[in-house]
Amino acid sequence: MVVNNLTTTQFAVLEALLHLGPLSQKTIGQKLLRSSGNVVKVIDNLERDGLVLREQNKSDRRAYLIVLTKKGKRLINAIFPNHVDSIIEAFSILSKEEQTELSRLCKKIGLIDSNLLH
């Protein structure tokens, strides 16, 4: 899937940064269930396009935080509402009870320690 010339993973990185704020590359990889090599390449491309930047992590000088730029924030804010609308439409075939159950199950899966998945 490509949205506004973004790959699915690029979109996911921008969305994570929008909702969670600056994150380390490691945390982004864990949240998206992606390998560190894949995340580095995705962030390199987002940085090349002026959508994110790497900033020195003040609490760990060996690491960098990935931060949305103004351009990146404008882009994700512009395309995210359409993404939400698509999700709502896709899940509208489920009853309210089924949607509640799906939400509960997704939250349960989201709480799994990502180390268990590798």
PDB file of N, CA and C in Angstrom:
ATOM      1  N   MET A   1       0.843  -1.180   0.000  1.00  0.00           N
ATOM      2  CA  MET A   1       0.000   0.000   0.000  1.00  0.00           C
ATOM      3  C   MET A   1       0.886   1.240   0.000  1.00  0.00           C
ATOM      4  N   VAL A   2       0.540   2.210  -0.800  1.00  0.00           N
ATOM      5  CA  VAL A   2       1.249   3.483  -0.828  1.00  0.00           C
ATOM      6  C   VAL A   2       0.216   4.588  -0.656  1.00  0.00           C
ATOM      7  N   VAL A   3       0.440   5.449   0.333  1.00  0.00           N
ATOM      8  CA  VAL A   3      -0.449   6.577   0.607  1.00  0.00           C
ATOM      9  C   VAL A   3       0.370   7.850   0.457  1.00  0.00           C
ATOM     10  N   ASN A   4      -0.060   8.738  -0.445  1.00  0.00           N
ATOM     11  CA  ASN A   4       0.667   9.999  -0.649  1.00  0.00           C
ATOM     12  C   ASN A   4       2.163   9.767  -0.850  1.00  0.00           C
ATOM     13  N   ASN A   5       2.497   8.773  -1.653  1.00  0.00           N
ATOM     14  CA  ASN A   5       3.889   8.403  -1.923  1.00  0.00           C
ATOM     15  C   ASN A   5       4.624   7.869  -0.696  1.00  0.00           C
ATOM     16  N   LEU A   6       3.895   7.474   0.336  1.00  0.00           N
ATOM     17  CA  LEU A   6       4.492   6.853   1.514  1.00  0.00           C
ATOM     18  C   LEU A   6       4.225   5.355   1.460  1.00  0.00           C
ATOM     19  N   THR A   7       5.219   4.560   1.847  1.00  0.00           N
ATOM     20  CA  THR A   7       4.966   3.134   2.008  1.00  0.00           C
ATOM     21  C   THR A   7       4.155   2.935   3.284  1.00  0.00           C
ATOM     22  N   THR A   8       3.631   1.749   3.451  1.00  0.00           N
ATOM     23  CA  THR A   8       2.870   1.435   4.668  1.00  0.00           C
ATOM     24  C   THR A   8       3.728   1.674   5.906  1.00  0.00           C
ATOM     25  N   THR A   9       4.978   1.252   5.868  1.00  0.00           N
ATOM     26  CA  THR A   9       5.855   1.415   7.036  1.00  0.00           C
ATOM     27  C   THR A   9       6.179   2.884   7.280  1.00  0.00           C
ATOM     28  N   GLN A  10       6.409   3.656   6.223  1.00  0.00           N
ATOM     29  CA  GLN A  10       6.655   5.093   6.402  1.00  0.00           C
ATOM     30  C   GLN A  10       5.438   5.764   7.051  1.00  0.00           C
ATOM     31  N   PHE A  11       4.250   5.421   6.548  1.00  0.00           N
ATOM     32  CA  PHE A  11       3.025   5.964   7.127  1.00  0.00           C
ATOM     33  C   PHE A  11       2.936   5.590   8.609  1.00  0.00           C
ATOM     34  N   ALA A  12       3.231   4.326   8.931  1.00  0.00           N
ATOM     35  CA  ALA A  12       3.152   3.858  10.314  1.00  0.00           C
ATOM     36  C   ALA A  12       4.133   4.605  11.224  1.00  0.00           C
ATOM     37  N   VAL A  13       5.334   4.893  10.722  1.00  0.00           N
ATOM     38  CA  VAL A  13       6.313   5.653  11.516  1.00  0.00           C
ATOM     39  C   VAL A  13       5.784   7.060  11.794  1.00  0.00           C
ATOM     40  N   LEU A  14       5.288   7.724  10.755  1.00  0.00           N
ATOM     41  CA  LEU A  14       4.756   9.080  10.942  1.00  0.00           C
ATOM     42  C   LEU A  14       3.579   9.083  11.909  1.00  0.00           C
ATOM     43  N   GLU A  15       2.705   8.088  11.777  1.00  0.00           N
ATOM     44  CA  GLU A  15       1.547   8.013  12.656  1.00  0.00           C
ATOM     45  C   GLU A  15       1.976   7.764  14.104  1.00  0.00           C
ATOM     46  N   ALA A  16       2.946   6.887  14.322  1.00  0.00           N
ATOM     47  CA  ALA A  16       3.443   6.625  15.675  1.00  0.00           C
ATOM     48  C   ALA A  16       4.036   7.893  16.285  1.00  0.00           C
ATOM     49  N   LEU A  17       4.818   8.618  15.496  1.00  0.00           N
ATOM     50  CA  LEU A  17       5.426   9.852  15.998  1.00  0.00           C
ATOM     51  C   LEU A  17       4.367  10.913  16.289  1.00  0.00           C
ATOM     52  N   LEU A  18       3.331  10.961  15.463  1.00  0.00           N
ATOM     53  CA  LEU A  18       2.247  11.918  15.692  1.00  0.00           C
ATOM     54  C   LEU A  18       1.561  11.647  17.024  1.00  0.00           C
ATOM     55  N   HIS A  19       1.268  10.388  17.301  1.00  0.00           N
ATOM     56  CA  HIS A  19       0.494  10.053  18.489  1.00  0.00           C
ATOM     57  C   HIS A  19       1.332   9.819  19.743  1.00  0.00           C
ATOM     58  N   LEU A  20       2.593   9.444  19.578  1.00  0.00           N
ATOM     59  CA  LEU A  20       3.418   9.119  20.740  1.00  0.00           C
ATOM     60  C   LEU A  20       4.544  10.113  20.985  1.00  0.00           C
ATOM     61  N   GLY A  21       4.797  10.990  20.031  1.00  0.00           N
ATOM     62  CA  GLY A  21       5.892  11.939  20.173  1.00  0.00           C
ATOM     63  C   GLY A  21       7.203  11.304  19.752  1.00  0.00           C
ATOM     64  N   PRO A  22       8.316  12.000  19.967  1.00  0.00           N
ATOM     65  CA  PRO A  22       9.630  11.493  19.561  1.00  0.00           C
ATOM     66  C   PRO A  22       9.910  10.114  20.159  1.00  0.00           C
ATOM     67  N   LEU A  23      10.471   9.234  19.334  1.00  0.00           N
ATOM     68  CA  LEU A  23      10.775   7.863  19.744  1.00  0.00           C
ATOM     69  C   LEU A  23      12.151   7.465  19.242  1.00  0.00           C
ATOM     70  N   SER A  24      12.763   6.524  19.928  1.00  0.00           N
ATOM     71  CA  SER A  24      14.031   5.965  19.437  1.00  0.00           C
ATOM     72  C   SER A  24      13.735   5.031  18.273  1.00  0.00           C
ATOM     73  N   GLN A  25      14.738   4.786  17.453  1.00  0.00           N
ATOM     74  CA  GLN A  25      14.574   3.851  16.341  1.00  0.00           C
ATOM     75  C   GLN A  25      14.202   2.479  16.865  1.00  0.00           C
ATOM     76  N   LYS A  26      14.806   2.082  17.973  1.00  0.00           N
ATOM     77  CA  LYS A  26      14.517   0.773  18.563  1.00  0.00           C
ATOM     78  C   LYS A  26      13.046   0.666  18.958  1.00  0.00           C
ATOM     79  N   THR A  27      12.525   1.701  19.608  1.00  0.00           N
ATOM     80  CA  THR A  27      11.122   1.691  20.031  1.00  0.00           C
ATOM     81  C   THR A  27      10.198   1.654  18.825  1.00  0.00           C
ATOM     82  N   ILE A  28      10.530   2.419  17.790  1.00  0.00           N
ATOM     83  CA  ILE A  28       9.720   2.406  16.572  1.00  0.00           C
ATOM     84  C   ILE A  28       9.687   0.987  15.992  1.00  0.00           C
ATOM     85  N   GLY A  29      10.830   0.350  15.905  1.00  0.00           N
ATOM     86  CA  GLY A  29      10.891  -1.011  15.387  1.00  0.00           C
ATOM     87  C   GLY A  29      10.045  -1.970  16.205  1.00  0.00           C
ATOM     88  N   GLN A  30      10.102  -1.845  17.524  1.00  0.00           N
ATOM     89  CA  GLN A  30       9.312  -2.711  18.394  1.00  0.00           C
ATOM     90  C   GLN A  30       7.814  -2.463  18.201  1.00  0.00           C
ATOM     91  N   LYS A  31       7.423  -1.214  18.118  1.00  0.00           N
ATOM     92  CA  LYS A  31       6.007  -0.878  17.967  1.00  0.00           C
ATOM     93  C   LYS A  31       5.451  -1.346  16.630  1.00  0.00           C
ATOM     94  N   LEU A  32       6.285  -1.296  15.593  1.00  0.00           N
ATOM     95  CA  LEU A  32       5.829  -1.664  14.253  1.00  0.00           C
ATOM     96  C   LEU A  32       6.160  -3.110  13.890  1.00  0.00           C
ATOM     97  N   LEU A  33       6.824  -3.807  14.816  1.00  0.00           N
ATOM     98  CA  LEU A  33       7.240  -5.191  14.583  1.00  0.00           C
ATOM     99  C   LEU A  33       8.091  -5.310  13.326  1.00  0.00           C
ATOM    100  N   ARG A  34       9.078  -4.415  13.227  1.00  0.00           N
ATOM    101  CA  ARG A  34       9.991  -4.379  12.080  1.00  0.00           C
ATOM    102  C   ARG A  34      11.416  -4.585  12.559  1.00  0.00           C
ATOM    103  N   SER A  35      12.249  -5.110  11.685  1.00  0.00           N
ATOM    104  CA  SER A  35      13.658  -5.307  12.011  1.00  0.00           C
ATOM    105  C   SER A  35      14.354  -3.955  12.100  1.00  0.00           C
ATOM    106  N   SER A  36      15.453  -3.923  12.844  1.00  0.00           N
ATOM    107  CA  SER A  36      16.189  -2.669  12.997  1.00  0.00           C
ATOM    108  C   SER A  36      16.707  -2.167  11.654  1.00  0.00           C
ATOM    109  N   GLY A  37      17.148  -3.085  10.785  1.00  0.00           N
ATOM    110  CA  GLY A  37      17.632  -2.684   9.465  1.00  0.00           C
ATOM    111  C   GLY A  37      16.548  -2.041   8.629  1.00  0.00           C
ATOM    112  N   ASN A  38      15.340  -2.594   8.687  1.00  0.00           N
ATOM    113  CA  ASN A  38      14.214  -2.037   7.947  1.00  0.00           C
ATOM    114  C   ASN A  38      13.868  -0.646   8.470  1.00  0.00           C
ATOM    115  N   VAL A  39      13.851  -0.494   9.779  1.00  0.00           N
ATOM    116  CA  VAL A  39      13.501   0.797  10.389  1.00  0.00           C
ATOM    117  C   VAL A  39      14.531   1.857  10.024  1.00  0.00           C
ATOM    118  N   VAL A  40      15.798   1.509  10.045  1.00  0.00           N
ATOM    119  CA  VAL A  40      16.848   2.471   9.690  1.00  0.00           C
ATOM    120  C   VAL A  40      16.635   2.978   8.263  1.00  0.00           C
ATOM    121  N   LYS A  41      16.375   2.067   7.341  1.00  0.00           N
ATOM    122  CA  LYS A  41      16.165   2.443   5.933  1.00  0.00           C
ATOM    123  C   LYS A  41      14.932   3.337   5.791  1.00  0.00           C
ATOM    124  N   VAL A  42      13.843   2.982   6.454  1.00  0.00           N
ATOM    125  CA  VAL A  42      12.607   3.770   6.387  1.00  0.00           C
ATOM    126  C   VAL A  42      12.857   5.172   6.941  1.00  0.00           C
ATOM    127  N   ILE A  43      13.529   5.260   8.066  1.00  0.00           N
ATOM    128  CA  ILE A  43      13.810   6.564   8.670  1.00  0.00           C
ATOM    129  C   ILE A  43      14.780   7.358   7.810  1.00  0.00           C
ATOM    130  N   ASP A  44      15.768   6.700   7.223  1.00  0.00           N
ATOM    131  CA  ASP A  44      16.671   7.391   6.290  1.00  0.00           C
ATOM    132  C   ASP A  44      15.867   8.060   5.175  1.00  0.00           C
ATOM    133  N   ASN A  45      14.917   7.324   4.615  1.00  0.00           N
ATOM    134  CA  ASN A  45      14.112   7.871   3.519  1.00  0.00           C
ATOM    135  C   ASN A  45      13.200   8.997   3.981  1.00  0.00           C
ATOM    136  N   LEU A  46      12.607   8.848   5.157  1.00  0.00           N
ATOM    137  CA  LEU A  46      11.761   9.923   5.695  1.00  0.00           C
ATOM    138  C   LEU A  46      12.594  11.172   5.997  1.00  0.00           C
ATOM    139  N   GLU A  47      13.803  10.959   6.493  1.00  0.00           N
ATOM    140  CA  GLU A  47      14.692  12.083   6.777  1.00  0.00           C
ATOM    141  C   GLU A  47      15.121  12.760   5.470  1.00  0.00           C
ATOM    142  N   ARG A  48      15.436  11.974   4.465  1.00  0.00           N
ATOM    143  CA  ARG A  48      15.809  12.501   3.139  1.00  0.00           C
ATOM    144  C   ARG A  48      14.700  13.392   2.576  1.00  0.00           C
ATOM    145  N   ASP A  49      13.450  12.991   2.822  1.00  0.00           N
ATOM    146  CA  ASP A  49      12.298  13.734   2.309  1.00  0.00           C
ATOM    147  C   ASP A  49      11.874  14.888   3.220  1.00  0.00           C
ATOM    148  N   GLY A  50      12.625  15.106   4.310  1.00  0.00           N
ATOM    149  CA  GLY A  50      12.347  16.229   5.201  1.00  0.00           C
ATOM    150  C   GLY A  50      11.143  16.031   6.106  1.00  0.00           C
ATOM    151  N   LEU A  51      10.758  14.768   6.335  1.00  0.00           N
ATOM    152  CA  LEU A  51       9.569  14.495   7.149  1.00  0.00           C
ATOM    153  C   LEU A  51       9.900  14.199   8.612  1.00  0.00           C
ATOM    154  N   VAL A  52      11.115  13.722   8.874  1.00  0.00           N
ATOM    155  CA  VAL A  52      11.579  13.475  10.240  1.00  0.00           C
ATOM    156  C   VAL A  52      13.030  13.925  10.348  1.00  0.00           C
ATOM    157  N   LEU A  53      13.484  14.077  11.580  1.00  0.00           N
ATOM    158  CA  LEU A  53      14.911  14.258  11.813  1.00  0.00           C
ATOM    159  C   LEU A  53      15.345  13.494  13.031  1.00  0.00           C
ATOM    160  N   ARG A  54      16.627  13.212  13.040  1.00  0.00           N
ATOM    161  CA  ARG A  54      17.225  12.525  14.182  1.00  0.00           C
ATOM    162  C   ARG A  54      17.802  13.590  15.101  1.00  0.00           C
ATOM    163  N   GLU A  55      17.420  13.502  16.377  1.00  0.00           N
ATOM    164  CA  GLU A  55      17.967  14.420  17.384  1.00  0.00           C
ATOM    165  C   GLU A  55      18.651  13.594  18.458  1.00  0.00           C
ATOM    166  N   GLN A  56      19.759  14.108  18.945  1.00  0.00           N
ATOM    167  CA  GLN A  56      20.481  13.429  20.024  1.00  0.00           C
ATOM    168  C   GLN A  56      19.548  13.271  21.220  1.00  0.00           C
ATOM    169  N   ASN A  57      19.501  12.069  21.769  1.00  0.00           N
ATOM    170  CA  ASN A  57      18.699  11.800  22.960  1.00  0.00           C
ATOM    171  C   ASN A  57      19.454  12.341  24.165  1.00  0.00           C
ATOM    172  N   LYS A  58      18.864  13.320  24.831  1.00  0.00           N
ATOM    173  CA  LYS A  58      19.550  13.962  25.965  1.00  0.00           C
ATOM    174  C   LYS A  58      19.778  13.003  27.130  1.00  0.00           C
ATOM    175  N   SER A  59      18.922  11.996  27.275  1.00  0.00           N
ATOM    176  CA  SER A  59      19.084  11.057  28.387  1.00  0.00           C
ATOM    177  C   SER A  59      19.997   9.881  28.039  1.00  0.00           C
ATOM    178  N   ASP A  60      20.302   9.689  26.764  1.00  0.00           N
ATOM    179  CA  ASP A  60      21.216   8.633  26.331  1.00  0.00           C
ATOM    180  C   ASP A  60      21.955   9.139  25.100  1.00  0.00           C
ATOM    181  N   ARG A  61      23.129   9.693  25.319  1.00  0.00           N
ATOM    182  CA  ARG A  61      23.853  10.356  24.233  1.00  0.00           C
ATOM    183  C   ARG A  61      24.295   9.405  23.130  1.00  0.00           C
ATOM    184  N   ARG A  62      24.173   8.087  23.352  1.00  0.00           N
ATOM    185  CA  ARG A  62      24.528   7.121  22.320  1.00  0.00           C
ATOM    186  C   ARG A  62      23.381   6.925  21.331  1.00  0.00           C
ATOM    187  N   ALA A  63      22.199   7.403  21.700  1.00  0.00           N
ATOM    188  CA  ALA A  63      21.006   7.133  20.892  1.00  0.00           C
ATOM    189  C   ALA A  63      20.418   8.424  20.329  1.00  0.00           C
ATOM    190  N   TYR A  64      19.583   8.250  19.334  1.00  0.00           N
ATOM    191  CA  TYR A  64      18.882   9.372  18.725  1.00  0.00           C
ATOM    192  C   TYR A  64      17.383   9.176  18.864  1.00  0.00           C
ATOM    193  N   LEU A  65      16.683  10.285  18.950  1.00  0.00           N
ATOM    194  CA  LEU A  65      15.225  10.264  18.900  1.00  0.00           C
ATOM    195  C   LEU A  65      14.809  10.685  17.501  1.00  0.00           C
ATOM    196  N   ILE A  66      13.768  10.058  17.005  1.00  0.00           N
ATOM    197  CA  ILE A  66      13.221  10.419  15.709  1.00  0.00           C
ATOM    198  C   ILE A  66      12.067  11.378  15.972  1.00  0.00           C
ATOM    199  N   VAL A  67      12.110  12.536  15.324  1.00  0.00           N
ATOM    200  CA  VAL A  67      11.162  13.617  15.583  1.00  0.00           C
ATOM    201  C   VAL A  67      10.509  14.032  14.267  1.00  0.00           C
ATOM    202  N   LEU A  68       9.205  14.272  14.311  1.00  0.00           N
ATOM    203  CA  LEU A  68       8.507  14.805  13.134  1.00  0.00           C
ATOM    204  C   LEU A  68       8.964  16.239  12.865  1.00  0.00           C
ATOM    205  N   THR A  69       9.192  16.552  11.618  1.00  0.00           N
ATOM    206  CA  THR A  69       9.438  17.945  11.237  1.00  0.00           C
ATOM    207  C   THR A  69       8.075  18.616  11.029  1.00  0.00           C
ATOM    208  N   LYS A  70       8.076  19.927  10.820  1.00  0.00           N
ATOM    209  CA  LYS A  70       6.820  20.616  10.510  1.00  0.00           C
ATOM    210  C   LYS A  70       6.192  20.046   9.255  1.00  0.00           C
ATOM    211  N   LYS A  71       7.026  19.774   8.255  1.00  0.00           N
ATOM    212  CA  LYS A  71       6.539  19.190   6.999  1.00  0.00           C
ATOM    213  C   LYS A  71       5.925  17.813   7.255  1.00  0.00           C
ATOM    214  N   GLY A  72       6.574  17.009   8.060  1.00  0.00           N
ATOM    215  CA  GLY A  72       6.070  15.677   8.381  1.00  0.00           C
ATOM    216  C   GLY A  72       4.763  15.738   9.144  1.00  0.00           C
ATOM    217  N   LYS A  73       4.690  16.671  10.085  1.00  0.00           N
ATOM    218  CA  LYS A  73       3.456  16.827  10.878  1.00  0.00           C
ATOM    219  C   LYS A  73       2.302  17.289   9.993  1.00  0.00           C
ATOM    220  N   ARG A  74       2.566  18.225   9.096  1.00  0.00           N
ATOM    221  CA  ARG A  74       1.516  18.681   8.166  1.00  0.00           C
ATOM    222  C   ARG A  74       1.011  17.528   7.307  1.00  0.00           C
ATOM    223  N   LEU A  75       1.947  16.716   6.803  1.00  0.00           N
ATOM    224  CA  LEU A  75       1.571  15.611   5.935  1.00  0.00           C
ATOM    225  C   LEU A  75       0.716  14.587   6.676  1.00  0.00           C
ATOM    226  N   ILE A  76       1.179  14.116   7.821  1.00  0.00           N
ATOM    227  CA  ILE A  76       0.433  13.075   8.530  1.00  0.00           C
ATOM    228  C   ILE A  76      -0.909  13.615   9.030  1.00  0.00           C
ATOM    229  N   ASN A  77      -0.953  14.875   9.447  1.00  0.00           N
ATOM    230  CA  ASN A  77      -2.230  15.467   9.860  1.00  0.00           C
ATOM    231  C   ASN A  77      -3.199  15.584   8.686  1.00  0.00           C
ATOM    232  N   ALA A  78      -2.678  15.755   7.491  1.00  0.00           N
ATOM    233  CA  ALA A  78      -3.536  15.882   6.304  1.00  0.00           C
ATOM    234  C   ALA A  78      -4.087  14.530   5.855  1.00  0.00           C
ATOM    235  N   ILE A  79      -3.295  13.466   5.974  1.00  0.00           N
ATOM    236  CA  ILE A  79      -3.738  12.174   5.441  1.00  0.00           C
ATOM    237  C   ILE A  79      -4.335  11.244   6.491  1.00  0.00           C
ATOM    238  N   PHE A  80      -4.056  11.479   7.763  1.00  0.00           N
ATOM    239  CA  PHE A  80      -4.548  10.554   8.793  1.00  0.00           C
ATOM    240  C   PHE A  80      -6.073  10.500   8.878  1.00  0.00           C
ATOM    241  N   PRO A  81      -6.798  11.616   8.780  1.00  0.00           N
ATOM    242  CA  PRO A  81      -8.271  11.529   8.853  1.00  0.00           C
ATOM    243  C   PRO A  81      -8.882  10.609   7.789  1.00  0.00           C
ATOM    244  N   ASN A  82      -8.345  10.617   6.575  1.00  0.00           N
ATOM    245  CA  ASN A  82      -8.843   9.708   5.533  1.00  0.00           C
ATOM    246  C   ASN A  82      -8.561   8.251   5.893  1.00  0.00           C
ATOM    247  N   HIS A  83      -7.433   8.019   6.521  1.00  0.00           N
ATOM    248  CA  HIS A  83      -7.073   6.672   6.975  1.00  0.00           C
ATOM    249  C   HIS A  83      -8.085   6.192   8.018  1.00  0.00           C
ATOM    250  N   VAL A  84      -8.407   7.058   8.971  1.00  0.00           N
ATOM    251  CA  VAL A  84      -9.383   6.714  10.004  1.00  0.00           C
ATOM    252  C   VAL A  84     -10.742   6.422   9.368  1.00  0.00           C
ATOM    253  N   ASP A  85     -11.150   7.259   8.425  1.00  0.00           N
ATOM    254  CA  ASP A  85     -12.429   7.035   7.734  1.00  0.00           C
ATOM    255  C   ASP A  85     -12.452   5.676   7.034  1.00  0.00           C
ATOM    256  N   SER A  86     -11.335   5.296   6.425  1.00  0.00           N
ATOM    257  CA  SER A  86     -11.256   3.997   5.747  1.00  0.00           C
ATOM    258  C   SER A  86     -11.376   2.846   6.739  1.00  0.00           C
ATOM    259  N   ILE A  87     -10.763   2.991   7.887  1.00  0.00           N
ATOM    260  CA  ILE A  87     -10.839   1.951   8.918  1.00  0.00           C
ATOM    261  C   ILE A  87     -12.279   1.832   9.430  1.00  0.00           C
ATOM    262  N   ILE A  88     -12.895   2.971   9.697  1.00  0.00           N
ATOM    263  CA  ILE A  88     -14.280   2.966  10.181  1.00  0.00           C
ATOM    264  C   ILE A  88     -15.193   2.292   9.164  1.00  0.00           C
ATOM    265  N   GLU A  89     -15.006   2.619   7.913  1.00  0.00           N
ATOM    266  CA  GLU A  89     -15.821   2.008   6.853  1.00  0.00           C
ATOM    267  C   GLU A  89     -15.589   0.498   6.774  1.00  0.00           C
ATOM    268  N   ALA A  90     -14.337   0.081   6.833  1.00  0.00           N
ATOM    269  CA  ALA A  90     -14.011  -1.341   6.734  1.00  0.00           C
ATOM    270  C   ALA A  90     -14.622  -2.141   7.887  1.00  0.00           C
ATOM    271  N   PHE A  91     -14.621  -1.560   9.083  1.00  0.00           N
ATOM    272  CA  PHE A  91     -15.117  -2.275  10.252  1.00  0.00           C
ATOM    273  C   PHE A  91     -16.607  -2.086  10.500  1.00  0.00           C
ATOM    274  N   SER A  92     -17.247  -1.307   9.652  1.00  0.00           N
ATOM    275  CA  SER A  92     -18.683  -1.063   9.831  1.00  0.00           C
ATOM    276  C   SER A  92     -19.517  -2.313   9.567  1.00  0.00           C
ATOM    277  N   ILE A  93     -18.933  -3.313   8.920  1.00  0.00           N
ATOM    278  CA  ILE A  93     -19.678  -4.560   8.694  1.00  0.00           C
ATOM    279  C   ILE A  93     -19.836  -5.366   9.983  1.00  0.00           C
ATOM    280  N   LEU A  94     -19.045  -5.030  10.995  1.00  0.00           N
ATOM    281  CA  LEU A  94     -19.138  -5.727  12.280  1.00  0.00           C
ATOM    282  C   LEU A  94     -20.218  -5.083  13.145  1.00  0.00           C
ATOM    283  N   SER A  95     -20.887  -5.905  13.943  1.00  0.00           N
ATOM    284  CA  SER A  95     -21.851  -5.366  14.911  1.00  0.00           C
ATOM    285  C   SER A  95     -21.088  -4.616  16.000  1.00  0.00           C
ATOM    286  N   LYS A  96     -21.807  -3.847  16.791  1.00  0.00           N
ATOM    287  CA  LYS A  96     -21.157  -3.115  17.896  1.00  0.00           C
ATOM    288  C   LYS A  96     -20.463  -4.085  18.850  1.00  0.00           C
ATOM    289  N   GLU A  97     -21.113  -5.222  19.106  1.00  0.00           N
ATOM    290  CA  GLU A  97     -20.523  -6.227  20.001  1.00  0.00           C
ATOM    291  C   GLU A  97     -19.241  -6.798  19.404  1.00  0.00           C
ATOM    292  N   GLU A  98     -19.253  -7.070  18.105  1.00  0.00           N
ATOM    293  CA  GLU A  98     -18.069  -7.593  17.437  1.00  0.00           C
ATOM    294  C   GLU A  98     -16.943  -6.558  17.434  1.00  0.00           C
ATOM    295  N   GLN A  99     -17.290  -5.296  17.227  1.00  0.00           N
ATOM    296  CA  GLN A  99     -16.282  -4.230  17.268  1.00  0.00           C
ATOM    297  C   GLN A  99     -15.664  -4.125  18.657  1.00  0.00           C
ATOM    298  N   THR A 100     -16.476  -4.236  19.684  1.00  0.00           N
ATOM    299  CA  THR A 100     -15.981  -4.184  21.067  1.00  0.00           C
ATOM    300  C   THR A 100     -15.043  -5.350  21.341  1.00  0.00           C
ATOM    301  N   GLU A 101     -15.429  -6.539  20.900  1.00  0.00           N
ATOM    302  CA  GLU A 101     -14.596  -7.724  21.099  1.00  0.00           C
ATOM    303  C   GLU A 101     -13.284  -7.597  20.331  1.00  0.00           C
ATOM    304  N   LEU A 102     -13.348  -7.129  19.094  1.00  0.00           N
ATOM    305  CA  LEU A 102     -12.141  -6.932  18.295  1.00  0.00           C
ATOM    306  C   LEU A 102     -11.217  -5.923  18.973  1.00  0.00           C
ATOM    307  N   SER A 103     -11.778  -4.849  19.468  1.00  0.00           N
ATOM    308  CA  SER A 103     -10.980  -3.841  20.166  1.00  0.00           C
ATOM    309  C   SER A 103     -10.288  -4.454  21.381  1.00  0.00           C
ATOM    310  N   ARG A 104     -11.022  -5.240  22.144  1.00  0.00           N
ATOM    311  CA  ARG A 104     -10.455  -5.882  23.337  1.00  0.00           C
ATOM    312  C   ARG A 104      -9.306  -6.812  22.944  1.00  0.00           C
ATOM    313  N   LEU A 105      -9.507  -7.592  21.898  1.00  0.00           N
ATOM    314  CA  LEU A 105      -8.466  -8.528  21.460  1.00  0.00           C
ATOM    315  C   LEU A 105      -7.234  -7.800  20.935  1.00  0.00           C
ATOM    316  N   CYS A 106      -7.438  -6.731  20.176  1.00  0.00           N
ATOM    317  CA  CYS A 106      -6.302  -5.952  19.654  1.00  0.00           C
ATOM    318  C   CYS A 106      -5.498  -5.329  20.784  1.00  0.00           C
ATOM    319  N   LYS A 107      -6.190  -4.825  21.799  1.00  0.00           N
ATOM    320  CA  LYS A 107      -5.482  -4.259  22.953  1.00  0.00           C
ATOM    321  C   LYS A 107      -4.677  -5.332  23.662  1.00  0.00           C
ATOM    322  N   LYS A 108      -5.262  -6.527  23.784  1.00  0.00           N
ATOM    323  CA  LYS A 108      -4.560  -7.628  24.429  1.00  0.00           C
ATOM    324  C   LYS A 108      -3.291  -7.975  23.660  1.00  0.00           C
ATOM    325  N   ILE A 109      -3.406  -8.063  22.344  1.00  0.00           N
ATOM    326  CA  ILE A 109      -2.238  -8.354  21.509  1.00  0.00           C
ATOM    327  C   ILE A 109      -1.213  -7.235  21.623  1.00  0.00           C
ATOM    328  N   GLY A 110      -1.684  -5.988  21.663  1.00  0.00           N
ATOM    329  CA  GLY A 110      -0.783  -4.841  21.759  1.00  0.00           C
ATOM    330  C   GLY A 110       0.012  -4.792  23.039  1.00  0.00           C
ATOM    331  N   LEU A 111      -0.455  -5.485  24.073  1.00  0.00           N
ATOM    332  CA  LEU A 111       0.246  -5.497  25.352  1.00  0.00           C
ATOM    333  C   LEU A 111       1.300  -6.588  25.452  1.00  0.00           C
ATOM    334  N   ILE A 112       1.355  -7.450  24.423  1.00  0.00           N
ATOM    335  CA  ILE A 112       2.357  -8.519  24.418  1.00  0.00           C
ATOM    336  C   ILE A 112       3.745  -7.897  24.344  1.00  0.00           C
ATOM    337  N   ASP A 113       4.648  -8.421  25.119  1.00  0.00           N
ATOM    338  CA  ASP A 113       6.040  -7.991  25.050  1.00  0.00           C
ATOM    339  C   ASP A 113       6.571  -8.309  23.660  1.00  0.00           C
ATOM    340  N   SER A 114       7.038  -7.282  22.942  1.00  0.00           N
ATOM    341  CA  SER A 114       7.482  -7.486  21.558  1.00  0.00           C
ATOM    342  C   SER A 114       8.618  -8.482  21.464  1.00  0.00           C
ATOM    343  N   ASN A 115       9.362  -8.714  22.536  1.00  0.00           N
ATOM    344  CA  ASN A 115      10.444  -9.704  22.498  1.00  0.00           C
ATOM    345  C   ASN A 115       9.913 -11.115  22.272  1.00  0.00           C
ATOM    346  N   LEU A 116       8.652 -11.355  22.661  1.00  0.00           N
ATOM    347  CA  LEU A 116       8.066 -12.668  22.469  1.00  0.00           C
ATOM    348  C   LEU A 116       7.807 -12.960  21.001  1.00  0.00           C
ATOM    349  N   LEU A 117       7.716 -11.906  20.187  1.00  0.00           N
ATOM    350  CA  LEU A 117       7.371 -12.059  18.775  1.00  0.00           C
ATOM    351  C   LEU A 117       8.594 -12.257  17.897  1.00  0.00           C
ATOM    352  N   HIS A 118       9.793 -12.192  18.454  1.00  0.00           N
ATOM    353  CA  HIS A 118      11.020 -12.320  17.634  1.00  0.00           C
ATOM    354  C   HIS A 118      11.661 -13.643  17.829  1.00  0.00           C
TER     355      HIS A 118
END
